[in-house]
């Protein structure tokens, strides 16, 4: 069966850590909203067949307009997010094209994702069923107790900071959902790990930061200018 990859763009957060009265998806980066940069990367990726956007109900009309204005023809479904991330992803999955064989789940607030990284992580998922983008951890990590006293220092050579997209074969991911372990997860890899499946980490070749604070906006604009975007 021919592979059919649907990108599920999760953009339903309330942007509380940004201190904004509106969704961070609408923050302008070099003249275009955050969500436009994210959608454009998946639109331009030849390995992506369809896009589902999960967003807040009050943001939906504006995001639909942005997708249209920026020529995102693959964005064929826009659905309301849930009150938790796992519920938002589930809503996105329910709106996927029935031909879908793989889900590529991505944070809308990672607008710097590049087509090469999308292709690499999707191709890895074709081979092993589950793959996620990530980077080596460069800081020394400490495990602490409830009073912030150091308990141990893990070997950072074995540590990876996991990003998105995270890509899963449809039947594998649906099987993990059916297992009932989705509640409260913040990372989709954790869901499939809960049923004993392994996930391959593909090292990101680009800068793929998530916009969480105001300082991240300045960094993202600098990176986009360097790329000529």
C-alpha atoms as a PDB file:
ATOM      1  CA  UNK A   1       0.000   0.000   0.000  1.00  0.00           C
ATOM      2  CA  UNK A   2       1.270   3.442  -0.912  1.00  0.00           C
ATOM      3  CA  UNK A   3       2.232   5.585   2.047  1.00  0.00           C
ATOM      4  CA  UNK A   4       0.071   8.632   2.782  1.00  0.00           C
ATOM      5  CA  UNK A   5       1.404  11.004   5.426  1.00  0.00           C
ATOM      6  CA  UNK A   6      -0.857  13.451   7.233  1.00  0.00           C
ATOM      7  CA  UNK A   7       0.768  16.214   9.265  1.00  0.00           C
ATOM      8  CA  UNK A   8      -1.194  17.080  12.401  1.00  0.00           C
ATOM      9  CA  UNK A   9      -0.238  20.613  13.414  1.00  0.00           C
ATOM     10  CA  UNK A  10      -1.101  21.145  17.073  1.00  0.00           C
ATOM     11  CA  UNK A  11      -1.732  24.870  17.602  1.00  0.00           C
ATOM     12  CA  UNK A  12      -4.323  24.882  20.381  1.00  0.00           C
ATOM     13  CA  UNK A  13      -2.304  26.185  23.326  1.00  0.00           C
ATOM     14  CA  UNK A  14      -3.279  29.285  25.275  1.00  0.00           C
ATOM     15  CA  UNK A  15       0.197  30.919  25.068  1.00  0.00           C
ATOM     16  CA  UNK A  16       0.190  31.642  28.813  1.00  0.00           C
ATOM     17  CA  UNK A  17       3.990  31.556  29.167  1.00  0.00           C
ATOM     18  CA  UNK A  18       4.259  34.210  26.457  1.00  0.00           C
ATOM     19  CA  UNK A  19       2.088  36.551  28.520  1.00  0.00           C
ATOM     20  CA  UNK A  20      -0.082  37.322  25.489  1.00  0.00           C
ATOM     21  CA  UNK A  21      -3.781  38.047  25.177  1.00  0.00           C
ATOM     22  CA  UNK A  22      -3.815  36.284  21.795  1.00  0.00           C
ATOM     23  CA  UNK A  23      -2.429  33.036  20.413  1.00  0.00           C
ATOM     24  CA  UNK A  24       1.307  32.951  19.764  1.00  0.00           C
ATOM     25  CA  UNK A  25       0.437  31.416  16.393  1.00  0.00           C
ATOM     26  CA  UNK A  26      -0.286  34.983  15.249  1.00  0.00           C
ATOM     27  CA  UNK A  27       2.999  36.552  16.362  1.00  0.00           C
ATOM     28  CA  UNK A  28       4.655  38.094  13.291  1.00  0.00           C
ATOM     29  CA  UNK A  29       8.036  36.644  12.341  1.00  0.00           C
ATOM     30  CA  UNK A  30       9.758  38.514   9.530  1.00  0.00           C
ATOM     31  CA  UNK A  31       6.414  39.656   8.160  1.00  0.00           C
ATOM     32  CA  UNK A  32       4.438  36.415   8.445  1.00  0.00           C
ATOM     33  CA  UNK A  33       2.554  34.839  11.375  1.00  0.00           C
ATOM     34  CA  UNK A  34       4.180  31.948  13.238  1.00  0.00           C
ATOM     35  CA  UNK A  35       1.590  29.461  11.965  1.00  0.00           C
ATOM     36  CA  UNK A  36       2.234  30.539   8.364  1.00  0.00           C
ATOM     37  CA  UNK A  37       5.919  29.576   8.638  1.00  0.00           C
ATOM     38  CA  UNK A  38       4.980  26.218  10.167  1.00  0.00           C
ATOM     39  CA  UNK A  39       2.365  25.440   7.528  1.00  0.00           C
ATOM     40  CA  UNK A  40       4.642  26.513   4.698  1.00  0.00           C
ATOM     41  CA  UNK A  41       7.335  24.011   5.733  1.00  0.00           C
ATOM     42  CA  UNK A  42       4.892  21.110   5.543  1.00  0.00           C
ATOM     43  CA  UNK A  43       3.274  22.472   2.383  1.00  0.00           C
ATOM     44  CA  UNK A  44       6.671  22.529   0.669  1.00  0.00           C
ATOM     45  CA  UNK A  45       7.642  19.047   1.853  1.00  0.00           C
ATOM     46  CA  UNK A  46       7.036  16.526  -0.933  1.00  0.00           C
ATOM     47  CA  UNK A  47       6.701  13.689   1.576  1.00  0.00           C
ATOM     48  CA  UNK A  48       3.635  15.270   3.249  1.00  0.00           C
ATOM     49  CA  UNK A  49       0.310  14.524   1.559  1.00  0.00           C
ATOM     50  CA  UNK A  50      -2.193  16.308   3.774  1.00  0.00           C
ATOM     51  CA  UNK A  51      -2.329  18.700   6.730  1.00  0.00           C
ATOM     52  CA  UNK A  52      -4.769  18.879   9.642  1.00  0.00           C
ATOM     53  CA  UNK A  53      -4.588  21.952  11.879  1.00  0.00           C
ATOM     54  CA  UNK A  54      -5.795  21.683  15.479  1.00  0.00           C
ATOM     55  CA  UNK A  55      -6.451  25.082  17.051  1.00  0.00           C
ATOM     56  CA  UNK A  56      -8.574  27.007  19.512  1.00  0.00           C
ATOM     57  CA  UNK A  57     -12.113  27.642  18.315  1.00  0.00           C
ATOM     58  CA  UNK A  58     -11.656  31.422  18.572  1.00  0.00           C
ATOM     59  CA  UNK A  59      -8.546  31.234  16.352  1.00  0.00           C
ATOM     60  CA  UNK A  60      -9.939  28.978  13.648  1.00  0.00           C
ATOM     61  CA  UNK A  61     -11.277  31.547  11.179  1.00  0.00           C
ATOM     62  CA  UNK A  62      -8.034  33.520  11.266  1.00  0.00           C
ATOM     63  CA  UNK A  63      -5.873  30.418  10.830  1.00  0.00           C
ATOM     64  CA  UNK A  64      -8.000  29.267   7.892  1.00  0.00           C
ATOM     65  CA  UNK A  65      -7.491  32.691   6.316  1.00  0.00           C
ATOM     66  CA  UNK A  66      -3.727  32.571   6.904  1.00  0.00           C
ATOM     67  CA  UNK A  67      -3.505  29.110   5.334  1.00  0.00           C
ATOM     68  CA  UNK A  68      -5.379  30.396   2.286  1.00  0.00           C
ATOM     69  CA  UNK A  69      -3.369  33.619   2.017  1.00  0.00           C
ATOM     70  CA  UNK A  70      -0.089  31.700   2.089  1.00  0.00           C
ATOM     71  CA  UNK A  71      -1.191  29.091  -0.446  1.00  0.00           C
ATOM     72  CA  UNK A  72      -1.368  26.082   1.873  1.00  0.00           C
ATOM     73  CA  UNK A  73      -3.384  23.768  -0.356  1.00  0.00           C
ATOM     74  CA  UNK A  74      -2.580  20.656   1.680  1.00  0.00           C
ATOM     75  CA  UNK A  75      -4.362  22.105   4.744  1.00  0.00           C
ATOM     76  CA  UNK A  76      -7.696  20.370   4.246  1.00  0.00           C
ATOM     77  CA  UNK A  77      -9.073  20.163   7.785  1.00  0.00           C
ATOM     78  CA  UNK A  78      -9.199  22.581  10.701  1.00  0.00           C
ATOM     79  CA  UNK A  79     -10.507  21.213  13.977  1.00  0.00           C
ATOM     80  CA  UNK A  80     -11.057  22.441  17.495  1.00  0.00           C
ATOM     81  CA  UNK A  81      -8.464  21.480  20.080  1.00  0.00           C
ATOM     82  CA  UNK A  82      -9.177  19.761  23.375  1.00  0.00           C
ATOM     83  CA  UNK A  83      -8.442  20.948  26.899  1.00  0.00           C
ATOM     84  CA  UNK A  84      -5.233  18.885  26.963  1.00  0.00           C
ATOM     85  CA  UNK A  85      -2.603  18.175  24.327  1.00  0.00           C
ATOM     86  CA  UNK A  86      -3.452  14.503  24.022  1.00  0.00           C
ATOM     87  CA  UNK A  87      -7.120  15.363  23.393  1.00  0.00           C
ATOM     88  CA  UNK A  88      -6.082  17.879  20.732  1.00  0.00           C
ATOM     89  CA  UNK A  89      -3.997  15.245  18.951  1.00  0.00           C
ATOM     90  CA  UNK A  90      -6.888  12.803  19.117  1.00  0.00           C
ATOM     91  CA  UNK A  91      -9.206  15.392  17.530  1.00  0.00           C
ATOM     92  CA  UNK A  92      -6.656  15.881  14.770  1.00  0.00           C
ATOM     93  CA  UNK A  93      -6.390  12.152  14.130  1.00  0.00           C
ATOM     94  CA  UNK A  94     -10.156  11.854  13.808  1.00  0.00           C
ATOM     95  CA  UNK A  95     -10.063  14.466  11.022  1.00  0.00           C
ATOM     96  CA  UNK A  96      -7.320  12.744   9.000  1.00  0.00           C
ATOM     97  CA  UNK A  97      -7.865  11.536   5.462  1.00  0.00           C
ATOM     98  CA  UNK A  98      -8.898   7.858   5.476  1.00  0.00           C
ATOM     99  CA  UNK A  99      -5.932   7.077   3.209  1.00  0.00           C
ATOM    100  CA  UNK A 100      -3.501   8.088   5.958  1.00  0.00           C
ATOM    101  CA  UNK A 101      -0.841   5.495   6.776  1.00  0.00           C
ATOM    102  CA  UNK A 102       1.368   7.710   8.974  1.00  0.00           C
ATOM    103  CA  UNK A 103       0.774  10.621  11.336  1.00  0.00           C
ATOM    104  CA  UNK A 104       3.400  13.390  11.522  1.00  0.00           C
ATOM    105  CA  UNK A 105       2.544  15.263  14.721  1.00  0.00           C
ATOM    106  CA  UNK A 106       4.112  18.715  15.014  1.00  0.00           C
ATOM    107  CA  UNK A 107       3.897  21.707  17.349  1.00  0.00           C
ATOM    108  CA  UNK A 108       2.518  24.771  15.593  1.00  0.00           C
ATOM    109  CA  UNK A 109       4.924  26.849  17.691  1.00  0.00           C
ATOM    110  CA  UNK A 110       7.975  25.295  15.987  1.00  0.00           C
ATOM    111  CA  UNK A 111       7.992  27.504  12.866  1.00  0.00           C
ATOM    112  CA  UNK A 112      11.666  26.907  12.029  1.00  0.00           C
ATOM    113  CA  UNK A 113      11.225  23.270  10.991  1.00  0.00           C
ATOM    114  CA  UNK A 114      12.810  22.593   7.597  1.00  0.00           C
ATOM    115  CA  UNK A 115      11.750  20.295   4.787  1.00  0.00           C
ATOM    116  CA  UNK A 116      14.903  18.173   5.001  1.00  0.00           C
ATOM    117  CA  UNK A 117      14.250  17.319   8.641  1.00  0.00           C
ATOM    118  CA  UNK A 118      10.613  16.503   7.869  1.00  0.00           C
ATOM    119  CA  UNK A 119      11.694  14.148   5.088  1.00  0.00           C
ATOM    120  CA  UNK A 120      14.350  12.433   7.201  1.00  0.00           C
ATOM    121  CA  UNK A 121      12.106  11.720  10.184  1.00  0.00           C
ATOM    122  CA  UNK A 122       9.196  10.529   8.012  1.00  0.00           C
ATOM    123  CA  UNK A 123      11.478   8.191   6.054  1.00  0.00           C
ATOM    124  CA  UNK A 124      12.753   6.767   9.343  1.00  0.00           C
ATOM    125  CA  UNK A 125       9.168   6.107  10.457  1.00  0.00           C
ATOM    126  CA  UNK A 126       8.509   4.299   7.166  1.00  0.00           C
ATOM    127  CA  UNK A 127      11.284   1.885   8.121  1.00  0.00           C
ATOM    128  CA  UNK A 128      10.715   1.367  11.848  1.00  0.00           C
ATOM    129  CA  UNK A 129       7.171   2.543  12.564  1.00  0.00           C
ATOM    130  CA  UNK A 130       8.004   5.395  14.944  1.00  0.00           C
ATOM    131  CA  UNK A 131      10.551   8.211  14.760  1.00  0.00           C
ATOM    132  CA  UNK A 132      11.034  11.649  16.267  1.00  0.00           C
ATOM    133  CA  UNK A 133      13.274  14.586  15.604  1.00  0.00           C
ATOM    134  CA  UNK A 134      15.754  15.457  18.350  1.00  0.00           C
ATOM    135  CA  UNK A 135      19.112  16.938  19.258  1.00  0.00           C
ATOM    136  CA  UNK A 136      21.977  15.825  21.518  1.00  0.00           C
ATOM    137  CA  UNK A 137      21.891  17.366  24.998  1.00  0.00           C
ATOM    138  CA  UNK A 138      24.843  19.736  25.450  1.00  0.00           C
ATOM    139  CA  UNK A 139      24.253  20.857  29.046  1.00  0.00           C
ATOM    140  CA  UNK A 140      25.086  18.642  31.999  1.00  0.00           C
ATOM    141  CA  UNK A 141      21.806  17.273  33.372  1.00  0.00           C
ATOM    142  CA  UNK A 142      21.189  16.639  37.070  1.00  0.00           C
ATOM    143  CA  UNK A 143      18.489  14.483  38.630  1.00  0.00           C
ATOM    144  CA  UNK A 144      17.246  16.174  41.827  1.00  0.00           C
ATOM    145  CA  UNK A 145      14.873  15.437  44.673  1.00  0.00           C
ATOM    146  CA  UNK A 146      11.870  17.496  45.809  1.00  0.00           C
ATOM    147  CA  UNK A 147      14.192  19.971  47.512  1.00  0.00           C
ATOM    148  CA  UNK A 148      16.433  20.388  44.445  1.00  0.00           C
ATOM    149  CA  UNK A 149      19.309  18.400  45.914  1.00  0.00           C
ATOM    150  CA  UNK A 150      21.296  16.515  43.307  1.00  0.00           C
ATOM    151  CA  UNK A 151      20.731  12.782  43.274  1.00  0.00           C
ATOM    152  CA  UNK A 152      22.634  11.755  40.156  1.00  0.00           C
ATOM    153  CA  UNK A 153      24.224  12.900  36.920  1.00  0.00           C
ATOM    154  CA  UNK A 154      23.182  10.899  33.847  1.00  0.00           C
ATOM    155  CA  UNK A 155      25.610  10.379  30.992  1.00  0.00           C
ATOM    156  CA  UNK A 156      24.642  13.095  28.527  1.00  0.00           C
ATOM    157  CA  UNK A 157      26.058  11.121  25.605  1.00  0.00           C
ATOM    158  CA  UNK A 158      22.896   9.000  25.889  1.00  0.00           C
ATOM    159  CA  UNK A 159      20.504  11.958  26.262  1.00  0.00           C
ATOM    160  CA  UNK A 160      18.467  13.584  23.509  1.00  0.00           C
ATOM    161  CA  UNK A 161      16.188  16.622  23.619  1.00  0.00           C
ATOM    162  CA  UNK A 162      13.119  15.473  21.715  1.00  0.00           C
ATOM    163  CA  UNK A 163      11.396  17.820  19.276  1.00  0.00           C
ATOM    164  CA  UNK A 164       8.693  17.475  16.652  1.00  0.00           C
ATOM    165  CA  UNK A 165       7.640  16.248  14.196  1.00  0.00           C
ATOM    166  CA  UNK A 166       7.093  12.871  15.771  1.00  0.00           C
ATOM    167  CA  UNK A 167       5.954  10.377  13.154  1.00  0.00           C
ATOM    168  CA  UNK A 168       4.087   7.113  13.704  1.00  0.00           C
ATOM    169  CA  UNK A 169       2.573   4.367  11.613  1.00  0.00           C
ATOM    170  CA  UNK A 170      -1.184   4.724  11.891  1.00  0.00           C
ATOM    171  CA  UNK A 171      -1.933   1.299  13.328  1.00  0.00           C
ATOM    172  CA  UNK A 172       0.853   1.601  15.903  1.00  0.00           C
ATOM    173  CA  UNK A 173      -0.366   4.962  17.167  1.00  0.00           C
ATOM    174  CA  UNK A 174      -4.031   3.965  17.200  1.00  0.00           C
ATOM    175  CA  UNK A 175      -3.091   0.840  19.111  1.00  0.00           C
ATOM    176  CA  UNK A 176      -1.336   2.960  21.724  1.00  0.00           C
ATOM    177  CA  UNK A 177      -4.377   5.227  22.003  1.00  0.00           C
ATOM    178  CA  UNK A 178      -6.644   2.218  22.454  1.00  0.00           C
ATOM    179  CA  UNK A 179      -4.427   1.093  25.315  1.00  0.00           C
ATOM    180  CA  UNK A 180      -5.739   4.038  27.316  1.00  0.00           C
ATOM    181  CA  UNK A 181      -2.400   5.569  28.273  1.00  0.00           C
ATOM    182  CA  UNK A 182      -2.807   8.938  26.567  1.00  0.00           C
ATOM    183  CA  UNK A 183      -4.126  10.997  29.475  1.00  0.00           C
ATOM    184  CA  UNK A 184      -1.727  13.721  30.527  1.00  0.00           C
ATOM    185  CA  UNK A 185       1.107  12.976  28.104  1.00  0.00           C
ATOM    186  CA  UNK A 186       3.078  15.903  26.712  1.00  0.00           C
ATOM    187  CA  UNK A 187       5.045  13.852  24.223  1.00  0.00           C
ATOM    188  CA  UNK A 188       3.632  11.384  21.711  1.00  0.00           C
ATOM    189  CA  UNK A 189       6.707   9.163  21.869  1.00  0.00           C
ATOM    190  CA  UNK A 190       5.799   8.481  25.481  1.00  0.00           C
ATOM    191  CA  UNK A 191       2.437   7.141  24.345  1.00  0.00           C
ATOM    192  CA  UNK A 192       3.867   4.501  22.018  1.00  0.00           C
ATOM    193  CA  UNK A 193       6.637   3.714  24.496  1.00  0.00           C
ATOM    194  CA  UNK A 194       3.903   2.819  26.987  1.00  0.00           C
ATOM    195  CA  UNK A 195       2.952  -0.199  24.871  1.00  0.00           C
ATOM    196  CA  UNK A 196       6.541  -1.373  24.503  1.00  0.00           C
ATOM    197  CA  UNK A 197       7.244   0.094  21.062  1.00  0.00           C
ATOM    198  CA  UNK A 198      10.618   1.654  20.332  1.00  0.00           C
ATOM    199  CA  UNK A 199      11.077   5.085  18.754  1.00  0.00           C
ATOM    200  CA  UNK A 200      14.093   6.124  16.690  1.00  0.00           C
ATOM    201  CA  UNK A 201      15.531   9.603  17.260  1.00  0.00           C
ATOM    202  CA  UNK A 202      16.625  11.400  14.092  1.00  0.00           C
ATOM    203  CA  UNK A 203      19.110  14.192  14.751  1.00  0.00           C
ATOM    204  CA  UNK A 204      17.848  17.535  13.492  1.00  0.00           C
ATOM    205  CA  UNK A 205      20.070  19.194  10.914  1.00  0.00           C
ATOM    206  CA  UNK A 206      18.514  22.638  11.414  1.00  0.00           C
ATOM    207  CA  UNK A 207      17.439  24.898  14.253  1.00  0.00           C
ATOM    208  CA  UNK A 208      13.966  23.883  15.342  1.00  0.00           C
ATOM    209  CA  UNK A 209      13.279  25.798  18.546  1.00  0.00           C
ATOM    210  CA  UNK A 210       9.838  25.999  20.112  1.00  0.00           C
ATOM    211  CA  UNK A 211       8.512  29.497  20.796  1.00  0.00           C
ATOM    212  CA  UNK A 212       7.859  29.581  24.524  1.00  0.00           C
ATOM    213  CA  UNK A 213       9.123  32.962  25.757  1.00  0.00           C
ATOM    214  CA  UNK A 214       9.461  36.450  24.297  1.00  0.00           C
ATOM    215  CA  UNK A 215      13.205  35.909  23.842  1.00  0.00           C
ATOM    216  CA  UNK A 216      12.491  32.959  21.548  1.00  0.00           C
ATOM    217  CA  UNK A 217      10.794  35.350  19.119  1.00  0.00           C
ATOM    218  CA  UNK A 218      13.993  37.382  18.699  1.00  0.00           C
ATOM    219  CA  UNK A 219      16.041  34.223  18.159  1.00  0.00           C
ATOM    220  CA  UNK A 220      13.556  32.889  15.585  1.00  0.00           C
ATOM    221  CA  UNK A 221      13.600  36.113  13.580  1.00  0.00           C
ATOM    222  CA  UNK A 222      17.399  36.111  13.548  1.00  0.00           C
ATOM    223  CA  UNK A 223      17.448  32.522  12.238  1.00  0.00           C
ATOM    224  CA  UNK A 224      14.856  33.300   9.569  1.00  0.00           C
ATOM    225  CA  UNK A 225      16.875  36.298   8.368  1.00  0.00           C
ATOM    226  CA  UNK A 226      19.974  34.119   8.128  1.00  0.00           C
ATOM    227  CA  UNK A 227      17.980  31.709   5.965  1.00  0.00           C
ATOM    228  CA  UNK A 228      16.790  34.575   3.757  1.00  0.00           C
ATOM    229  CA  UNK A 229      13.146  33.982   4.676  1.00  0.00           C
END
